[in-house]
Protein backbone atom coordinates (compact mmCIF):
# COMPACT_ATOMS: atom_id res chain seq x y z
CA MET A 1 -30.70 -15.40 34.17
CA ASN A 2 -28.68 -15.62 37.37
CA ALA A 3 -26.51 -12.80 38.71
CA GLY A 4 -23.26 -14.61 37.91
CA VAL A 5 -24.10 -14.90 34.24
CA GLY A 6 -25.09 -11.24 34.23
CA GLU A 7 -21.80 -10.08 35.75
CA ARG A 8 -19.75 -12.19 33.35
CA SER A 9 -21.71 -11.08 30.32
CA SER A 10 -21.61 -7.43 31.35
CA ALA A 11 -17.84 -7.62 31.76
CA ASP A 12 -17.47 -9.38 28.41
CA TYR A 13 -19.65 -6.80 26.70
CA LEU A 14 -17.72 -3.87 28.19
CA ASP A 15 -14.45 -5.52 27.17
CA ALA A 16 -15.73 -5.74 23.58
CA LEU A 17 -16.66 -2.06 23.72
CA SER A 18 -13.19 -1.15 24.99
CA ARG A 19 -11.76 -2.65 21.80
CA GLY A 20 -14.47 -1.28 19.52
CA ASP A 21 -15.18 -4.89 18.54
CA ARG A 22 -18.71 -5.10 17.15
CA ARG A 23 -18.53 -8.83 16.46
CA ALA A 24 -17.44 -9.64 20.01
CA ALA A 25 -20.20 -7.43 21.44
CA GLN A 26 -22.76 -9.08 19.17
CA ALA A 27 -21.49 -12.51 20.26
CA VAL A 28 -22.14 -11.64 23.91
CA VAL A 29 -25.68 -10.58 23.04
CA GLU A 30 -26.31 -13.74 21.01
CA ARG A 31 -25.08 -15.87 23.91
CA LEU A 32 -27.51 -14.12 26.26
CA ARG A 33 -30.35 -14.61 23.80
CA ARG A 34 -29.59 -18.35 23.61
CA GLU A 35 -29.67 -18.46 27.41
CA GLY A 36 -33.20 -17.09 27.32
CA MET A 37 -32.74 -13.37 27.94
CA SER A 38 -35.26 -11.21 26.10
CA PRO A 39 -34.08 -8.48 23.70
CA LEU A 40 -35.49 -5.75 25.94
CA ASP A 41 -33.73 -7.19 28.99
CA VAL A 42 -30.43 -7.31 27.10
CA MET A 43 -30.90 -3.66 26.20
CA THR A 44 -31.76 -2.46 29.69
CA GLN A 45 -29.56 -4.80 31.78
CA VAL A 46 -26.43 -5.04 29.64
CA ILE A 47 -26.19 -2.42 26.88
CA ALA A 48 -27.55 0.62 28.74
CA PRO A 49 -25.45 0.05 31.92
CA ALA A 50 -22.37 -0.57 29.79
CA GLN A 51 -22.88 2.72 27.97
CA TYR A 52 -23.29 4.52 31.28
CA ARG A 53 -19.98 2.99 32.36
CA VAL A 54 -18.38 4.12 29.10
CA GLY A 55 -19.35 7.69 29.98
CA GLU A 56 -17.82 7.31 33.43
CA LEU A 57 -14.59 5.94 32.00
CA TRP A 58 -14.30 8.91 29.65
CA ALA A 59 -15.06 11.37 32.47
CA ASP A 60 -12.37 9.69 34.60
CA ASP A 61 -9.87 10.10 31.72
CA SER A 62 -9.50 6.32 31.60
CA TRP A 63 -10.82 6.19 28.02
CA SER A 64 -10.13 8.52 25.13
CA VAL A 65 -12.81 10.35 23.18
CA ALA A 66 -12.11 7.99 20.27
CA GLN A 67 -12.70 4.93 22.48
CA GLU A 68 -15.94 6.43 23.77
CA HIS A 69 -17.18 7.17 20.25
CA ALA A 70 -16.21 3.72 18.97
CA ALA A 71 -17.95 2.04 21.92
CA THR A 72 -21.11 4.05 21.34
CA ALA A 73 -21.13 3.16 17.65
CA VAL A 74 -20.83 -0.53 18.55
CA SER A 75 -23.71 -0.38 21.02
CA GLU A 76 -25.93 1.49 18.57
CA SER A 77 -25.23 -1.18 15.94
CA VAL A 78 -26.02 -3.99 18.37
CA LEU A 79 -29.16 -2.18 19.51
CA ALA A 80 -30.37 -1.91 15.91
CA VAL A 81 -30.14 -5.69 15.52
CA LEU A 82 -31.96 -6.31 18.80
CA THR A 83 -34.67 -3.81 17.95
CA ALA A 84 -35.53 -5.78 14.82
CA ASP A 85 -36.17 -8.79 17.11
CA THR A 86 -38.51 -6.85 19.39
CA GLU A 87 -40.88 -5.36 16.85
CA ALA A 88 -44.41 -6.70 17.13
CA PRO A 89 -45.73 -7.99 13.77
CA GLY A 90 -48.25 -6.08 11.71
CA LEU A 91 -47.90 -2.65 13.28
CA SER A 92 -50.34 -0.11 11.93
CA GLY A 93 -51.81 3.26 12.79
CA ALA A 94 -50.28 6.66 13.47
CA PRO A 95 -46.66 6.31 14.61
CA VAL A 96 -44.76 7.97 17.42
CA VAL A 97 -41.85 10.03 16.13
CA VAL A 98 -38.79 9.34 18.33
CA SER A 99 -35.80 11.66 18.14
CA CYS A 100 -32.94 13.22 20.03
CA VAL A 101 -33.13 16.94 20.59
CA GLU A 102 -31.14 19.18 18.26
CA GLN A 103 -27.34 19.08 18.72
CA GLU A 104 -27.40 15.88 20.77
CA TRP A 105 -25.58 13.06 19.02
CA HIS A 106 -25.80 10.05 21.33
CA ALA A 107 -28.93 8.35 20.06
CA LEU A 108 -28.87 5.19 22.18
CA PRO A 109 -31.40 6.39 24.80
CA ALA A 110 -33.82 7.35 22.02
CA GLY A 111 -33.22 3.97 20.41
CA LEU A 112 -34.20 2.24 23.67
CA VAL A 113 -37.44 4.20 23.75
CA ALA A 114 -38.18 3.23 20.14
CA ALA A 115 -37.53 -0.43 20.91
CA HIS A 116 -39.90 -0.46 23.90
CA LEU A 117 -42.66 1.22 21.90
CA ARG A 118 -42.32 -1.20 18.99
CA ALA A 119 -42.32 -4.18 21.34
CA ALA A 120 -45.62 -2.90 22.78
CA GLY A 121 -47.17 -2.76 19.32
CA ILE A 122 -46.81 1.00 18.84
CA PRO A 123 -45.47 2.04 15.39
CA VAL A 124 -42.39 4.26 15.47
CA SER A 125 -40.76 6.68 13.06
CA TYR A 126 -37.23 6.86 14.40
CA LEU A 127 -35.17 9.93 13.49
CA GLY A 128 -32.14 9.29 15.69
CA ALA A 129 -29.72 12.06 16.65
CA ASN A 130 -29.84 15.82 16.16
CA SER A 131 -33.24 16.71 14.75
CA SER A 132 -34.05 20.40 14.52
CA ALA A 133 -37.42 21.97 15.25
CA ASP A 134 -37.92 22.60 11.53
CA GLN A 135 -37.18 18.98 10.68
CA LEU A 136 -39.55 17.72 13.34
CA VAL A 137 -42.41 19.98 12.26
CA ARG A 138 -41.94 19.02 8.62
CA HIS A 139 -41.99 15.33 9.59
CA VAL A 140 -45.09 15.86 11.72
CA HIS A 141 -46.91 17.45 8.79
CA GLU A 142 -45.86 14.57 6.52
CA LEU A 143 -46.82 11.74 8.90
CA GLY A 144 -49.56 13.02 11.19
CA PRO A 145 -48.05 11.10 14.14
CA ARG A 146 -49.69 10.13 17.39
CA ALA A 147 -46.97 11.97 19.31
CA VAL A 148 -43.35 13.11 19.26
CA ALA A 149 -40.95 11.65 21.84
CA LEU A 150 -37.83 13.73 22.50
CA SER A 151 -34.71 12.39 24.22
CA CYS A 152 -32.41 14.90 25.94
CA SER A 153 -29.28 14.03 27.92
CA LEU A 154 -27.68 17.44 28.56
CA GLY A 155 -28.99 20.24 30.73
CA ALA A 156 -27.48 22.66 28.22
CA SER A 157 -29.94 21.34 25.63
CA LEU A 158 -33.07 22.26 27.60
CA PRO A 159 -33.54 25.60 25.76
CA ARG A 160 -33.62 23.63 22.50
CA VAL A 161 -36.12 21.21 24.02
CA ARG A 162 -38.36 24.16 24.79
CA ARG A 163 -38.15 25.40 21.20
CA GLN A 164 -39.01 21.96 19.86
CA ILE A 165 -41.91 21.52 22.27
CA GLU A 166 -43.32 24.87 21.16
CA ALA A 167 -42.89 24.00 17.48
CA VAL A 168 -44.46 20.55 17.73
CA ARG A 169 -47.32 21.56 20.00
CA ALA A 170 -48.19 24.34 17.55
CA THR A 171 -49.23 21.51 15.20
CA GLY A 172 -51.55 20.08 17.88
CA THR A 173 -49.27 17.07 18.45
CA PRO A 174 -48.50 15.83 22.00
CA VAL A 175 -44.84 15.75 23.12
CA ILE A 176 -43.25 13.23 25.48
CA VAL A 177 -39.78 13.96 26.86
CA GLY A 178 -37.22 11.90 28.71
CA GLY A 179 -33.52 11.50 29.34
CA SER A 180 -30.94 12.43 31.94
CA ALA A 181 -31.46 16.18 31.39
CA PHE A 182 -34.76 15.88 33.29
CA ASP A 183 -35.37 15.42 36.99
CA PRO A 184 -36.99 12.14 38.14
CA ALA A 185 -40.17 13.92 39.26
CA GLY A 186 -40.71 15.42 35.81
CA ARG A 187 -40.87 19.01 37.05
CA ARG A 188 -38.54 20.34 34.35
CA ALA A 189 -40.59 18.58 31.69
CA ALA A 190 -43.79 20.17 32.95
CA THR A 191 -42.22 23.63 33.13
CA LEU A 192 -41.03 23.36 29.52
CA GLY A 193 -44.53 22.46 28.35
CA ALA A 194 -44.18 18.74 27.60
CA THR A 195 -47.42 16.79 27.47
CA ALA A 196 -45.87 13.87 29.37
CA TYR A 197 -42.59 12.70 30.88
CA ALA A 198 -41.17 9.17 30.77
CA ALA A 199 -38.19 8.34 32.97
CA THR A 200 -37.40 5.09 31.08
CA GLY A 201 -38.13 3.43 27.78
CA ALA A 202 -40.53 1.07 29.50
CA LEU A 203 -42.47 3.97 31.01
CA ALA A 204 -42.75 5.59 27.58
CA VAL A 205 -45.33 2.93 26.66
CA PRO A 206 -48.01 3.89 29.24
CA ALA A 207 -47.12 7.55 28.67
CA VAL A 208 -48.01 7.21 24.98
CA GLN A 209 -51.11 5.19 25.75
CA GLY A 210 -52.38 7.92 28.08
CA LEU A 211 -51.87 10.85 25.70
CA PRO A 212 -54.72 13.05 24.46
CA ARG A 213 -55.42 12.98 20.73
CA ALA A 214 -54.45 16.63 20.33
CA VAL A 215 -53.02 19.44 22.45
CA PRO A 216 -53.17 23.24 22.34
CA PRO A 217 -50.06 25.37 21.76
CA ALA A 218 -47.63 25.52 24.67
CA ASP A 219 -48.27 28.26 27.19
CA PRO A 220 -45.66 31.03 27.22
CA LEU A 221 -42.98 30.84 29.88
CA VAL A 222 -43.52 33.60 32.44
CA HIS A 223 -41.24 32.57 35.30
CA PRO A 224 -38.27 34.78 36.26
CA GLY A 225 -35.30 34.02 34.08
CA ALA A 226 -37.16 32.73 31.02
CA ASP A 227 -36.24 35.81 28.99
CA GLU A 228 -32.66 35.70 30.24
CA ALA A 229 -32.39 32.10 29.06
CA VAL A 230 -32.90 33.22 25.46
CA ILE A 231 -30.10 35.80 25.74
CA VAL A 232 -27.63 33.47 27.46
CA GLN A 233 -28.30 30.69 24.96
CA ALA A 234 -27.77 33.03 22.01
CA GLU A 235 -24.48 34.36 23.42
CA ARG A 236 -23.08 31.18 24.93
CA GLU A 237 -20.22 30.64 22.46
CA ALA A 238 -18.97 34.21 22.91
CA ILE A 239 -19.33 33.98 26.70
CA ALA A 240 -17.43 30.69 26.74
CA ALA A 241 -14.64 32.17 24.60
CA ASN A 242 -14.26 35.13 26.98
CA ILE A 243 -14.03 32.85 30.01
CA ARG A 244 -11.56 30.56 28.27
CA ARG A 245 -9.23 33.49 27.51
CA ARG A 246 -9.47 34.71 31.11
CA VAL A 247 -8.73 31.30 32.62
CA PHE A 248 -5.89 30.47 30.24
CA ALA A 249 -4.30 33.85 30.95
CA ALA A 250 -4.42 33.10 34.67
CA HIS A 251 -2.83 29.67 34.11
CA PRO A 252 -0.26 30.12 31.32
CA SER A 253 1.82 27.26 29.96
CA ASP A 254 5.05 27.19 27.97
CA ASP A 255 4.19 23.77 26.58
CA PRO A 256 2.38 24.10 23.23
CA VAL A 257 1.06 20.55 23.54
CA ALA A 258 -0.54 21.35 26.89
CA GLU A 259 -2.57 24.12 25.27
CA THR A 260 -4.48 21.54 23.24
CA SER A 261 -4.61 18.59 25.63
CA GLY A 262 -5.51 17.59 29.18
CA TRP A 263 -7.65 19.92 31.22
CA ARG A 264 -7.27 22.78 28.73
CA LYS A 265 -8.76 20.68 25.94
CA ALA A 266 -11.59 19.49 28.19
CA LEU A 267 -12.27 23.05 29.29
CA THR A 268 -12.37 24.34 25.71
CA ASP A 269 -14.72 21.56 24.65
CA HIS A 270 -17.11 21.84 27.57
CA LEU A 271 -17.27 25.51 28.52
CA PRO A 272 -20.14 26.09 26.05
CA HIS A 273 -22.03 23.31 27.83
CA LEU A 274 -21.49 25.00 31.18
CA VAL A 275 -22.80 28.30 29.83
CA GLY A 276 -25.65 26.40 28.20
CA ALA A 277 -26.47 24.85 31.56
CA VAL A 278 -27.09 28.34 32.91
CA ALA A 279 -29.60 28.85 30.10
CA GLY A 280 -31.04 25.41 30.86
CA ALA A 281 -31.48 26.28 34.53
CA LEU A 282 -33.14 29.56 33.59
CA VAL A 283 -35.56 28.10 31.05
CA ALA A 284 -36.50 25.15 33.28
CA ASP A 285 -36.68 27.34 36.41
CA ASP A 286 -34.47 24.81 38.20
CA ALA A 287 -31.10 25.79 39.69
CA THR A 288 -30.04 22.15 40.03
CA VAL A 289 -29.51 22.00 36.25
CA LEU A 290 -26.51 24.27 36.78
CA ASP A 291 -25.44 22.46 39.96
CA ASP A 292 -25.30 19.16 38.06
CA ALA A 293 -23.24 20.71 35.24
CA VAL A 294 -20.75 22.30 37.65
CA THR A 295 -20.33 19.04 39.57
CA TRP A 296 -19.79 17.06 36.38
CA LEU A 297 -17.27 19.52 34.92
CA ASP A 298 -15.38 19.63 38.21
CA HIS A 299 -15.08 15.84 38.05
CA VAL A 300 -13.84 15.91 34.44
CA LEU A 301 -11.26 18.65 35.10
CA SER A 302 -9.98 17.17 38.35
CA HIS A 303 -9.25 13.88 36.56
CA ARG A 304 -7.16 15.80 34.02
CA ALA A 305 -4.82 17.46 36.53
CA ALA A 306 -6.52 20.86 36.47
CA PRO A 307 -5.29 23.49 38.94
CA SER A 308 -6.92 23.34 42.35
CA GLY A 309 -10.00 25.55 42.58
CA LEU A 310 -10.39 25.90 38.82
CA THR A 311 -14.11 25.16 38.88
CA ASP A 312 -14.67 27.97 41.37
CA GLU A 313 -12.74 30.28 39.04
CA LEU A 314 -14.99 29.25 36.17
CA VAL A 315 -18.16 29.97 38.13
CA GLN A 316 -16.81 33.36 39.23
CA ALA A 317 -15.80 34.23 35.66
CA LEU A 318 -19.22 33.17 34.43
CA ALA A 319 -20.88 35.33 37.08
CA ALA A 320 -18.80 38.29 35.90
CA GLU A 321 -19.85 37.71 32.30
CA LEU A 322 -23.54 37.53 33.30
CA ARG A 323 -23.55 40.26 35.93
CA GLU A 324 -26.16 42.27 34.01
CA HIS A 325 -28.62 39.34 34.16
CA PRO A 326 -29.98 39.28 37.73
CA VAL A 327 -31.60 35.83 37.74
CA ALA A 328 -28.52 34.21 36.20
CA ALA A 329 -26.31 36.07 38.68
CA ARG A 330 -28.31 34.66 41.60
CA LEU A 331 -27.99 31.14 40.18
CA LEU A 332 -24.24 31.49 39.92
CA THR A 333 -23.94 32.91 43.43
CA ARG A 334 -25.78 29.83 44.67
CA ALA A 335 -23.59 27.50 42.60
C-alpha cells in the first residue's frame, strides 16, 4: 500500500472515530483489506496510531471524554472483527492468557497482543480489561496456560503489576509484560519480576516462544523505596484528596460550574494517578515514571487554562504530604 492511500485511510478512519461511527470505521478497514492490506497491518498502521491520536486530542482538550470513550469502543469493535480474520486454523495446546492489569480499562493494546499471538498459531485466552490478581490466579488454575501476558499503560498501575506478577509466578507460570507504562529497554519489567518484556504485539510472539516451561516465585523487592511504594499506593486516594483541597483553597472560584469543569475537573480526576505514579516510581526503582506523569499532567492542565505554575504547586504539595517517606521525598525533589 502506498503512502498516499495510508494517509487518506488514516484520516478517514480518524474522522469516523470522531463521530463514533462504527460502520464508517469498518468501511475504511474493509476498503484497506480489499486493497491488499493484511489484518495485522491494518491494526498496527491504522487503528493503533489513530487511538494514540485520540489520546492526544483528549489531552489537548480538543475532544471530550465522551468522544474519547466512543472512539475507543469503535476501535475495539473493529479490532475484534479483524482478529477473527487473523486467527490461524486449528489452534491447540496450552494458551497464553492475555489481560490488562487491574483498574486499566483501555483493552486495545492487549487486544493487539492477542491478535499477533493468534496469527502466529499460539492459542489465546483473552480476558480484556481490568483483571485482578485473584481472577488471574483462578484462571491460571483452571486453564494451566503457557504464560500470562499483562498489558499496562499507566505508570500508576505498576504496583498492581507487581502484585499480579507475584501472584501468577507463585503458580509457576511465566509472565510477559508490555505497554506504555514500561521503558523501551525493559528495565522496569525486570525489576518487577516479569519473565519477559515485549515492546509490541509482534515482539510478544518470540517472547512467548522463548519462555521457560515453569518459573520460580518472584524474588522479593529489596531496593530502596519498595516498602514505601506499598504505603503510598494504599494511601493514594487520601493523599490526592488532601492535595486537591489545598490547591483549590489557593485558587478559589466564585463560579460553581468552574468547580466541576476545566482544569479543576481534570485535576480531580487525575491527582490519584499522579500519586500512584510516585508509588510506581518507587516499586519500579525508576524516577522517570514520576517524571513522565508530571509532564503529562502539566500538558493536560495547561490545555485547560490552569493557573501558571500549578504543576509545580502540585509537586510541592505532594512532597509535603510524603515528607515522612525519604525515598519518595527525594523523587519529588528531583521532579
